[in-house]
Protein backbone atom coordinates (compact mmCIF):
# COMPACT_ATOMS: atom_id res chain seq x y z
CA MET A 1 45.42 22.97 31.49
CA SER A 2 48.39 23.33 29.12
CA SER A 3 47.99 23.51 25.36
CA GLN A 4 49.64 20.06 25.05
CA ARG A 5 47.07 18.54 27.35
CA LEU A 6 44.27 20.27 25.46
CA ALA A 7 45.59 18.87 22.20
CA SER A 8 45.92 15.40 23.71
CA PHE A 9 42.38 15.59 25.08
CA GLY A 10 41.06 16.75 21.71
CA ASN A 11 42.85 13.91 19.94
CA ARG A 12 41.38 11.35 22.32
CA GLN A 13 37.94 12.80 21.73
CA GLY A 14 38.53 12.70 17.99
CA HIS A 15 39.70 9.08 18.08
CA ARG A 16 36.64 8.04 20.08
CA MET A 17 34.39 9.75 17.57
CA HIS A 18 36.33 8.07 14.77
CA GLU A 19 35.63 4.69 16.38
CA ARG A 20 31.93 5.52 16.62
CA LEU A 21 31.93 6.54 12.95
CA HIS A 22 33.61 3.22 12.10
CA ARG A 23 30.82 1.38 13.88
CA GLN A 24 28.26 3.49 12.01
CA LEU A 25 29.91 2.54 8.71
CA ILE A 26 29.65 -1.14 9.65
CA THR A 27 25.97 -0.60 10.52
CA ALA A 28 25.45 1.14 7.16
CA LEU A 29 26.97 -1.83 5.35
CA GLY A 30 24.57 -4.11 7.18
CA THR A 31 21.70 -1.87 6.13
CA ILE A 32 22.91 -2.07 2.53
CA ASP A 33 22.80 -5.88 2.76
CA ARG A 34 19.26 -5.76 4.13
CA LEU A 35 18.21 -3.38 1.36
CA ARG A 36 19.76 -5.74 -1.20
CA ASP A 37 17.74 -8.63 0.26
CA SER A 38 14.61 -6.47 0.15
CA LEU A 39 15.24 -5.59 -3.49
CA GLN A 40 15.74 -9.26 -4.32
CA ALA A 41 12.40 -10.07 -2.66
CA ARG A 42 10.74 -7.31 -4.65
CA GLU A 43 12.36 -8.62 -7.83
CA THR A 44 10.84 -12.03 -7.09
CA ALA A 45 7.44 -10.38 -6.68
CA LEU A 46 7.93 -8.55 -9.98
CA ASN A 47 8.81 -11.83 -11.70
CA THR A 48 5.57 -13.31 -10.37
CA ALA A 49 3.70 -10.30 -11.72
CA ARG A 50 5.40 -10.75 -15.09
CA THR A 51 4.19 -14.36 -15.15
CA GLU A 52 0.65 -13.15 -14.44
CA LEU A 53 1.05 -10.57 -17.20
CA ARG A 54 2.12 -13.25 -19.68
CA ARG A 55 -0.89 -15.37 -18.72
CA SER A 56 -3.17 -12.38 -19.15
CA ARG A 57 -1.75 -11.84 -22.61
CA GLU A 58 -2.40 -15.48 -23.45
CA ASP A 59 -5.97 -15.11 -22.17
CA ALA A 60 -6.36 -11.99 -24.26
CA ALA A 61 -5.09 -13.81 -27.34
CA ALA A 62 -7.57 -16.62 -26.68
CA ALA A 63 -10.34 -14.08 -26.28
CA ARG A 64 -9.42 -12.46 -29.59
CA GLN A 65 -9.55 -15.87 -31.24
CA ASP A 66 -12.99 -16.47 -29.72
CA ALA A 67 -14.12 -13.10 -31.02
CA ALA A 68 -12.85 -13.87 -34.51
CA GLU A 69 -14.64 -17.20 -34.54
CA ALA A 70 -17.82 -15.62 -33.26
CA ARG A 71 -17.61 -12.89 -35.90
CA ALA A 72 -17.27 -15.52 -38.60
CA ALA A 73 -20.31 -17.32 -37.24
CA LEU A 74 -22.27 -14.08 -37.21
CA GLU A 75 -21.40 -13.43 -40.82
CA ALA A 76 -22.78 -16.89 -41.57
CA HIS A 77 -26.14 -15.66 -40.17
CA GLU A 78 -26.11 -17.83 -37.08
CA PRO A 79 -28.04 -15.77 -34.48
CA ALA A 80 -26.94 -17.96 -31.59
CA GLU A 81 -23.33 -17.07 -32.26
CA ALA A 82 -24.03 -13.33 -32.22
CA GLU A 83 -24.38 -13.40 -28.44
CA ALA A 84 -21.15 -15.39 -28.19
CA LEU A 85 -19.44 -12.65 -30.21
CA GLN A 86 -20.68 -9.95 -27.86
CA ASP A 87 -19.64 -12.00 -24.86
CA SER A 88 -16.17 -12.50 -26.30
CA ARG A 89 -15.86 -8.80 -26.95
CA ARG A 90 -16.83 -8.01 -23.38
CA LYS A 91 -14.32 -10.57 -22.14
CA LEU A 92 -11.64 -9.08 -24.35
CA HIS A 93 -12.32 -5.58 -23.03
CA ARG A 94 -12.16 -6.79 -19.41
CA LEU A 95 -8.89 -8.59 -20.07
CA ALA A 96 -7.43 -5.52 -21.76
CA ALA A 97 -8.39 -3.38 -18.75
CA ASP A 98 -6.92 -5.95 -16.35
CA LEU A 99 -3.72 -6.04 -18.38
CA ALA A 100 -3.39 -2.25 -18.30
CA ASN A 101 -3.98 -2.19 -14.54
CA LEU A 102 -1.41 -4.92 -13.99
CA ARG A 103 1.19 -3.02 -15.99
CA ARG A 104 0.46 0.16 -14.04
CA ARG A 105 0.78 -1.64 -10.69
CA GLN A 106 4.09 -3.20 -11.78
CA ASP A 107 5.48 0.17 -12.77
CA GLU A 108 4.35 1.79 -9.51
CA GLU A 109 5.76 -1.04 -7.39
CA ARG A 110 9.09 -0.95 -9.20
CA ASP A 111 9.39 2.82 -8.83
CA ARG A 112 8.38 2.67 -5.17
CA ALA A 113 10.90 -0.08 -4.41
CA ARG A 114 13.72 1.86 -6.06
CA THR A 115 12.83 5.08 -4.27
CA GLU A 116 12.58 3.41 -0.85
CA ALA A 117 15.86 1.56 -1.30
CA ARG A 118 17.67 4.68 -2.46
CA ALA A 119 16.27 6.84 0.35
CA GLY A 120 17.11 4.25 3.01
CA LEU A 121 20.68 3.94 1.85
CA LEU A 122 21.23 7.69 1.58
CA ARG A 123 19.82 8.26 5.08
CA GLU A 124 22.63 6.05 6.35
CA PHE A 125 25.20 8.17 4.52
CA VAL A 126 23.62 11.36 5.88
CA GLU A 127 23.87 10.09 9.47
CA ILE A 128 27.50 9.11 8.94
CA LEU A 129 28.18 12.58 7.53
CA ASP A 130 26.54 14.11 10.63
CA GLY A 131 28.84 12.12 12.88
CA MET A 132 31.87 13.09 10.83
CA GLU A 133 31.00 16.79 11.07
CA ARG A 134 30.54 16.54 14.85
CA ALA A 135 33.89 14.77 15.20
CA LEU A 136 35.67 17.43 13.16
CA ALA A 137 34.02 20.22 15.15
CA ALA A 138 35.29 18.67 18.40
CA SER A 139 38.82 18.11 17.12
CA THR A 140 41.42 20.65 18.28
CA ASP A 141 44.41 19.31 16.41
CA THR A 142 43.68 20.37 12.84
CA GLU A 143 47.17 19.36 11.72
CA SER A 144 46.87 15.69 12.73
CA ALA A 145 46.69 12.88 10.18
CA TRP A 146 43.35 11.85 11.67
CA HIS A 147 41.88 15.30 11.11
CA GLU A 148 43.12 15.52 7.53
CA GLY A 149 41.84 12.00 6.76
CA SER A 150 38.46 12.81 8.28
CA VAL A 151 38.17 15.96 6.17
CA ALA A 152 38.94 13.94 3.05
CA LEU A 153 36.36 11.28 4.00
CA LYS A 154 33.74 13.97 4.67
CA ARG A 155 34.40 15.47 1.24
CA GLN A 156 33.98 12.05 -0.38
CA LEU A 157 30.66 11.48 1.42
CA GLU A 158 29.41 14.87 0.23
CA GLN A 159 30.40 13.99 -3.34
CA VAL A 160 28.54 10.66 -3.09
CA LEU A 161 25.38 12.48 -1.98
CA THR A 162 25.73 15.06 -4.75
CA ARG A 163 26.14 12.38 -7.43
CA ALA A 164 23.06 10.62 -6.02
CA GLY A 165 21.02 13.78 -6.61
CA VAL A 166 20.85 14.89 -2.98
CA ALA A 167 20.83 18.60 -2.08
CA ARG A 168 21.60 20.06 1.35
CA LEU A 169 18.89 22.12 3.08
CA GLY A 170 19.10 24.85 5.68
CA ALA A 171 21.37 27.82 5.13
CA LEU A 172 21.85 30.84 7.36
CA GLY A 173 19.63 33.68 6.16
CA GLU A 174 17.38 31.42 4.10
CA GLY A 175 13.64 32.03 4.37
CA PHE A 176 11.85 29.58 6.67
CA ASN A 177 9.85 26.94 4.78
CA PRO A 178 7.80 24.59 7.00
CA ARG A 179 7.94 21.88 4.32
CA LEU A 180 11.74 21.86 4.29
CA HIS A 181 12.62 23.20 7.76
CA GLU A 182 11.75 22.14 11.30
CA ALA A 183 11.81 25.07 13.74
CA VAL A 184 13.40 23.98 17.03
CA GLY A 185 13.46 27.48 18.47
CA THR A 186 13.12 31.20 17.79
CA THR A 187 15.27 34.20 18.60
CA PRO A 188 14.58 37.95 18.56
CA HIS A 189 18.30 38.68 18.69
CA SER A 190 19.43 38.10 15.15
CA ASN A 191 20.74 40.04 12.20
CA GLN A 192 18.35 38.08 9.97
CA PRO A 193 14.90 39.35 8.93
CA ALA A 194 11.85 37.84 10.60
CA ASP A 195 10.92 34.32 9.49
CA HIS A 196 14.45 33.64 8.28
CA ILE A 197 16.95 31.08 9.52
CA ALA A 198 19.10 32.53 12.30
CA ALA A 199 20.98 29.30 13.11
CA VAL A 200 21.19 25.75 11.72
CA VAL A 201 21.06 23.00 14.35
CA GLN A 202 21.13 20.12 11.86
CA ALA A 203 21.26 20.26 8.07
CA GLY A 204 18.43 18.73 6.06
CA TYR A 205 18.55 16.89 2.75
CA GLN A 206 16.25 16.31 -0.21
CA PHE A 207 16.40 14.72 -3.64
CA VAL A 208 16.61 17.01 -6.66
CA ASP A 209 13.06 15.95 -7.58
CA GLY A 210 11.83 17.51 -4.31
CA SER A 211 11.43 14.29 -2.29
CA LEU A 212 12.42 15.06 1.29
CA ILE A 213 14.96 12.83 3.06
CA ARG A 214 14.78 14.84 6.28
CA PRO A 215 14.01 18.50 7.12
CA ALA A 216 16.64 20.90 8.38
CA ARG A 217 16.39 21.69 12.11
CA VAL A 218 16.76 25.43 12.52
CA VAL A 219 16.32 28.43 14.83
CA VAL A 220 14.09 31.08 13.28
CA SER A 221 14.37 34.85 13.74
CA VAL A 222 11.26 36.69 14.93
């Protein structure tokens, strides 16, 4: 097959991959819309929790008032009110504990919602980046406008991930870490030391805080 035919075949392959990447981008946008709806639902739940928190504060204020009244009665030497004072104090302590627990649950739910939404969105970008890298690897015409545009888009996606605090995992020669790497094979024929990465099948990604988005799929030297 002539070089012109090879270039034409490579371009057709590249254009088909470009179309698939376009569909993936549309799917990612749909996922973003679903994540936005999910965040709105969580925001509604948080608003409900804030209402409960306000009511708890009002109950706590009422309990403090009861305690103050009971204390005044106790100072007036009314034994019957002494028990009311103790009861009000116990109620106040329970309400304070409930209020602290409610605040903690709100904070945890808010943090969890943000983390899940961010991870879901960035997984979409990672999959699009995978497809872009495969398309570029299959392209034979590195001088075409499509190839140059795809390289620029790939660079932009990598910058988006970097700004979002995402680090790439899985580098040739890196020591194998079962928490960060998934071994899909081994090889005795490698220039790398034992238990080091001899080949990267698919890059992995994690947040800078150590939260794993997906492990790198690698071949390990033995």
